[in-house]
Amino acid sequence: MATLAQKLPYTHPFAGGYPYRGSQRLPSDPDALTYLAAVAAADGAPVETAVAVAVDDFFRGMKADGTFSAIKAACLLCGARTLAGALVPLAGTAPTNNNFVDADYNRETGLVGDGSTKYLDSNRANDDDPEDDNHIAVYKNSTGDTPSAWLVGSRDRTTAPVSHILVGSSGFLNRSHAPFVAINTSATTGLRATSRSSSLSASAYYNSTLTAASVSSVPVSTSANQFIFAFGTPDGTAFAHSNARIAFYSIGESLDLALMDARITALVNAIGAAL
């Protein structure tokens, strides 16, 4: 007869400490395991194995797509057990939390702003990525958000934004003076992103649709950090706070936004199914 110890799952030496049962899948991508270990340290306990496998699939998928290396600053704002765990970066430097508390965080759906005081400073400046090789992205998980509020963005002048994604009719900017896609995205959820790989054009992604436009890039004259849930200014002031719920953000070099959408949507859905 099997003993109790024999019946219990054991810790597989190559699975990041996750319990191992028979043929059960386990996380094994080195970058995913490093991230999951940091999240566990912040949370005080590992996430569930199914959540860990979903994260592993995301890392593996982005690498297979050739888009992982373009992500320079990112957080998965869902899945972790605590807000502290959610602010562990997937890539790059951890964001600075301004006024978010534990009650603002939901493991399945993400972190929600208040439209007034709460925002994240990504600690990545608007000139850390090349003028004609950049992206910003958020996965918005709410509808009915406050119009004329920024999901992510920064500017380098008093009146001219550099890059932003707005809830409201101004839509998307990418190193430009004026919106190149003007659409109100408050009624829908999913990935909102813009990418530029040329000095003459940029793309916006929303509602599972990629829209390209002819819009020339504008050189950055003053460095400002990209903020999430608000708009960052050169003096570090947050402007036009959002009350949206965001499950993911990414900042970095240009990439295929449709491929990113497929991977992050699968990850968010898998986390929701696991919890």
Protein backbone atom coordinates (compact mmCIF):
# COMPACT_ATOMS: atom_id res chain seq x y z
CA MET A 1 0.00 0.00 0.00
CA ALA A 2 1.29 3.43 -0.93
CA THR A 3 2.28 5.70 1.91
CA LEU A 4 0.88 9.22 2.27
CA ALA A 5 4.22 10.64 1.15
CA GLN A 6 4.06 8.55 -2.01
CA LYS A 7 0.57 9.82 -2.82
CA LEU A 8 1.42 13.49 -2.48
CA PRO A 9 2.92 15.45 -5.40
CA TYR A 10 6.65 16.00 -5.25
CA THR A 11 8.67 19.01 -6.24
CA HIS A 12 10.27 18.49 -9.64
CA PRO A 13 13.85 19.82 -9.65
CA PHE A 14 13.40 21.52 -13.05
CA ALA A 15 9.93 22.97 -12.50
CA GLY A 16 10.68 25.99 -10.36
CA GLY A 17 9.39 24.30 -7.22
CA TYR A 18 5.89 23.56 -8.55
CA PRO A 19 4.23 20.31 -7.44
CA TYR A 20 4.58 17.59 -10.05
CA ARG A 21 1.87 15.03 -10.76
CA GLY A 22 2.41 12.41 -13.44
CA SER A 23 2.16 13.97 -16.89
CA GLN A 24 0.99 17.39 -15.67
CA ARG A 25 2.58 20.27 -17.57
CA LEU A 26 4.93 22.47 -15.64
CA PRO A 27 6.62 25.82 -16.34
CA SER A 28 10.16 25.40 -17.65
CA ASP A 29 11.12 28.46 -19.71
CA PRO A 30 14.08 30.02 -17.85
CA ASP A 31 12.78 33.59 -18.09
CA ALA A 32 9.31 32.51 -17.00
CA LEU A 33 10.75 30.65 -14.00
CA THR A 34 12.81 33.69 -13.00
CA TYR A 35 9.72 35.90 -13.21
CA LEU A 36 7.53 33.41 -11.33
CA ALA A 37 10.12 33.08 -8.57
CA ALA A 38 10.21 36.86 -8.14
CA VAL A 39 6.40 36.98 -8.02
CA ALA A 40 6.37 34.20 -5.40
CA ALA A 41 8.89 36.13 -3.30
CA ALA A 42 6.71 39.25 -3.45
CA ASP A 43 3.47 37.33 -2.81
CA GLY A 44 4.82 35.07 -0.08
CA ALA A 45 3.69 31.96 -2.01
CA PRO A 46 3.81 30.62 -5.57
CA VAL A 47 0.85 31.10 -7.90
CA GLU A 48 -1.20 28.06 -8.82
CA THR A 49 0.45 25.65 -11.25
CA ALA A 50 -2.16 26.40 -13.95
CA VAL A 51 -1.39 30.13 -13.67
CA ALA A 52 2.32 29.41 -13.85
CA VAL A 53 1.86 27.27 -16.97
CA ALA A 54 -0.14 30.09 -18.60
CA VAL A 55 2.71 32.50 -17.89
CA ASP A 56 5.17 29.97 -19.27
CA ASP A 57 3.09 29.68 -22.45
CA PHE A 58 3.18 33.46 -22.83
CA PHE A 59 6.96 33.64 -22.57
CA ARG A 60 7.41 30.74 -24.94
CA GLY A 61 4.86 32.12 -27.40
CA MET A 62 6.35 35.61 -27.51
CA LYS A 63 9.80 34.12 -28.09
CA ALA A 64 8.48 31.87 -30.85
CA ASP A 65 6.85 34.93 -32.47
CA GLY A 66 10.10 36.85 -32.31
CA THR A 67 8.51 39.65 -30.26
CA PHE A 68 9.80 38.97 -26.75
CA SER A 69 13.06 40.88 -27.15
CA ALA A 70 11.17 44.05 -28.14
CA ILE A 71 9.52 44.25 -24.72
CA LYS A 72 11.70 46.49 -22.55
CA ALA A 73 9.34 47.37 -19.67
CA ALA A 74 6.20 45.39 -18.87
CA CYS A 75 3.98 44.13 -16.05
CA LEU A 76 1.31 41.47 -15.97
CA LEU A 77 -1.20 43.22 -13.71
CA CYS A 78 -3.18 40.06 -13.01
CA GLY A 79 -2.48 36.48 -11.92
CA ALA A 80 -0.25 37.25 -8.95
CA ARG A 81 -1.69 36.71 -5.48
CA THR A 82 -1.06 40.29 -4.33
CA LEU A 83 -0.59 43.77 -5.72
CA ALA A 84 3.09 43.52 -4.81
CA GLY A 85 3.39 40.42 -6.98
CA ALA A 86 1.55 42.08 -9.86
CA LEU A 87 4.09 44.92 -9.86
CA VAL A 88 6.98 42.51 -10.40
CA PRO A 89 8.09 43.30 -13.96
CA LEU A 90 7.84 40.81 -16.80
CA ALA A 91 10.69 42.78 -18.33
CA GLY A 92 12.70 45.84 -17.42
CA THR A 93 12.45 47.94 -14.29
CA ALA A 94 9.59 47.65 -11.81
CA PRO A 95 7.09 50.53 -11.96
CA THR A 96 6.69 53.03 -9.15
CA ASN A 97 3.28 52.66 -7.51
CA ASN A 98 1.50 55.94 -6.89
CA ASN A 99 -1.47 55.49 -4.53
CA PHE A 100 -2.74 52.05 -5.57
CA VAL A 101 -3.79 49.82 -2.67
CA ASP A 102 -4.55 46.11 -2.38
CA ALA A 103 -8.29 46.69 -2.85
CA ASP A 104 -7.62 48.08 -6.36
CA TYR A 105 -6.20 44.75 -7.50
CA ASN A 106 -8.14 41.76 -8.85
CA ARG A 107 -6.22 38.60 -9.72
CA GLU A 108 -8.47 37.78 -12.67
CA THR A 109 -9.10 41.19 -14.22
CA GLY A 110 -6.23 43.46 -13.22
CA LEU A 111 -5.60 46.80 -11.53
CA VAL A 112 -8.19 49.60 -11.58
CA GLY A 113 -7.52 53.33 -11.53
CA ASP A 114 -9.59 55.98 -9.78
CA GLY A 115 -9.52 58.71 -12.44
CA SER A 116 -7.97 61.07 -9.92
CA THR A 117 -4.75 60.21 -8.07
CA LYS A 118 -3.62 56.68 -8.94
CA TYR A 119 -1.06 55.82 -11.60
CA LEU A 120 2.09 53.82 -12.29
CA ASP A 121 5.35 55.38 -13.35
CA SER A 122 6.92 52.83 -15.70
CA ASN A 123 10.39 54.28 -15.04
CA ARG A 124 11.02 54.06 -18.78
CA ALA A 125 11.55 57.38 -20.51
CA ASN A 126 9.98 58.34 -23.82
CA ASP A 127 13.43 58.48 -25.41
CA ASP A 128 14.68 55.13 -24.08
CA ASP A 129 13.37 53.55 -27.28
CA PRO A 130 14.29 54.82 -30.75
CA GLU A 131 12.13 57.48 -32.35
CA ASP A 132 11.23 55.20 -35.25
CA ASP A 133 11.35 51.86 -33.43
CA ASN A 134 8.96 51.82 -30.50
CA HIS A 135 5.66 50.58 -29.07
CA ILE A 136 3.36 51.19 -26.11
CA ALA A 137 0.53 48.83 -25.20
CA VAL A 138 -2.06 48.12 -22.52
CA TYR A 139 -4.67 45.38 -22.13
CA LYS A 140 -7.83 47.19 -20.99
CA ASN A 141 -10.30 45.03 -19.10
CA SER A 142 -13.15 47.47 -18.50
CA THR A 143 -15.81 49.43 -20.37
CA GLY A 144 -17.43 52.77 -19.70
CA ASP A 145 -14.11 54.36 -18.80
CA THR A 146 -13.77 58.10 -18.27
CA PRO A 147 -13.29 59.86 -21.63
CA SER A 148 -10.23 62.05 -22.17
CA ALA A 149 -8.14 60.00 -19.75
CA TRP A 150 -4.84 58.35 -20.63
CA LEU A 151 -4.23 54.62 -20.44
CA VAL A 152 -0.51 55.12 -21.10
CA GLY A 153 1.52 58.07 -22.31
CA SER A 154 4.05 60.84 -21.97
CA ARG A 155 4.90 64.16 -23.59
CA ASP A 156 8.05 66.19 -23.98
CA ARG A 157 6.60 69.66 -24.43
CA THR A 158 4.03 71.89 -22.78
CA THR A 159 1.34 71.23 -25.36
CA ALA A 160 2.55 68.51 -27.75
CA PRO A 161 2.23 64.84 -26.72
CA VAL A 162 4.88 62.42 -27.89
CA SER A 163 3.17 59.06 -27.45
CA HIS A 164 -0.10 58.12 -25.82
CA ILE A 165 -3.17 55.91 -25.89
CA LEU A 166 -6.27 57.73 -24.76
CA VAL A 167 -9.78 56.66 -23.82
CA GLY A 168 -11.72 59.14 -25.89
CA SER A 169 -11.92 60.60 -29.37
CA SER A 170 -8.22 61.53 -29.62
CA GLY A 171 -7.23 57.87 -29.77
CA PHE A 172 -3.59 57.15 -30.54
CA LEU A 173 -0.39 59.15 -30.92
CA ASN A 174 3.09 57.81 -31.56
CA ARG A 175 5.89 60.40 -31.59
CA SER A 176 3.48 62.78 -33.28
CA HIS A 177 1.78 66.13 -32.68
CA ALA A 178 -1.72 65.03 -33.60
CA PRO A 179 -3.71 61.79 -33.35
CA PHE A 180 -3.28 59.50 -36.32
CA VAL A 181 -6.21 57.30 -35.29
CA ALA A 182 -9.10 59.15 -33.67
CA ILE A 183 -11.52 56.68 -32.12
CA ASN A 184 -13.28 56.35 -28.79
CA THR A 185 -12.28 53.02 -27.25
CA SER A 186 -14.13 53.36 -23.94
CA ALA A 187 -16.87 50.86 -24.82
CA THR A 188 -14.60 47.93 -25.60
CA THR A 189 -11.93 45.82 -23.91
CA GLY A 190 -8.74 44.15 -25.08
CA LEU A 191 -5.33 45.23 -26.32
CA ARG A 192 -4.80 48.91 -27.11
CA ALA A 193 -1.39 49.50 -28.65
CA THR A 194 0.63 51.56 -31.08
CA SER A 195 3.86 50.64 -32.83
CA ARG A 196 6.21 52.58 -35.10
CA SER A 197 8.94 51.08 -37.28
CA SER A 198 9.24 53.95 -39.78
CA SER A 199 9.67 57.71 -39.69
CA LEU A 200 6.71 58.07 -42.06
CA SER A 201 4.04 55.79 -40.58
CA ALA A 202 2.71 54.21 -37.40
CA SER A 203 0.08 51.61 -36.49
CA ALA A 204 -2.69 51.44 -33.93
CA TYR A 205 -4.32 48.28 -32.60
CA TYR A 206 -7.78 48.12 -31.03
CA ASN A 207 -10.82 45.85 -31.24
CA SER A 208 -8.57 43.16 -32.77
CA THR A 209 -7.92 45.48 -35.71
CA LEU A 210 -4.64 46.91 -36.95
CA THR A 211 -4.84 50.38 -38.52
CA ALA A 212 -1.81 51.91 -40.22
CA ALA A 213 -1.52 55.60 -41.04
CA SER A 214 0.92 57.95 -42.73
CA VAL A 215 2.17 60.14 -39.92
CA SER A 216 5.71 61.50 -39.58
CA SER A 217 7.58 61.09 -36.33
CA VAL A 218 8.55 64.06 -34.15
CA PRO A 219 11.92 64.06 -32.35
CA VAL A 220 11.83 63.99 -28.57
CA SER A 221 13.25 67.17 -27.08
CA THR A 222 12.74 66.51 -23.37
CA SER A 223 12.74 63.17 -21.62
CA ALA A 224 9.63 62.13 -19.70
CA ASN A 225 8.70 58.77 -18.22
CA GLN A 226 5.81 56.82 -19.67
CA PHE A 227 2.99 56.61 -17.14
CA ILE A 228 0.21 54.01 -17.00
CA PHE A 229 -3.28 55.13 -15.91
CA ALA A 230 -2.16 58.72 -16.60
CA PHE A 231 0.00 60.94 -18.78
CA GLY A 232 3.57 61.72 -17.79
CA THR A 233 5.10 65.20 -18.18
CA PRO A 234 8.78 66.25 -18.12
CA ASP A 235 8.51 67.52 -14.54
CA GLY A 236 7.10 64.15 -13.40
CA THR A 237 3.52 65.35 -12.99
CA ALA A 238 0.68 62.92 -13.74
CA PHE A 239 -2.10 64.33 -15.90
CA ALA A 240 -5.57 63.09 -16.96
CA HIS A 241 -5.81 59.99 -14.74
CA SER A 242 -7.77 56.98 -15.95
CA ASN A 243 -10.36 54.89 -14.11
CA ALA A 244 -9.85 51.93 -16.46
CA ARG A 245 -8.95 48.42 -15.33
CA ILE A 246 -5.69 47.27 -16.92
CA ALA A 247 -4.35 43.71 -16.90
CA PHE A 248 -1.05 44.26 -18.75
CA TYR A 249 1.19 46.97 -20.12
CA SER A 250 4.26 46.90 -22.34
CA ILE A 251 6.73 49.51 -23.58
CA GLY A 252 9.65 48.97 -25.91
CA GLU A 253 10.69 48.62 -29.52
CA SER A 254 8.38 48.05 -32.49
CA LEU A 255 6.70 44.66 -32.80
CA ASP A 256 3.80 42.80 -34.41
CA LEU A 257 0.78 43.99 -32.43
CA ALA A 258 -1.55 41.25 -33.67
CA LEU A 259 0.85 38.60 -32.41
CA MET A 260 1.12 40.36 -29.06
CA ASP A 261 -2.67 40.54 -28.86
CA ALA A 262 -3.02 36.79 -29.44
CA ARG A 263 -0.50 35.97 -26.72
CA ILE A 264 -1.69 38.39 -24.03
CA THR A 265 -5.37 37.61 -24.67
CA ALA A 266 -4.65 33.90 -24.31
CA LEU A 267 -2.74 34.58 -21.09
CA VAL A 268 -5.46 36.73 -19.50
CA ASN A 269 -8.13 34.20 -20.48
CA ALA A 270 -6.08 31.28 -19.12
CA ILE A 271 -5.56 33.06 -15.81
CA GLY A 272 -9.28 33.76 -15.54
CA ALA A 273 -10.05 30.11 -16.21
CA ALA A 274 -7.48 28.92 -13.65
CA LEU A 275 -8.70 31.04 -10.74
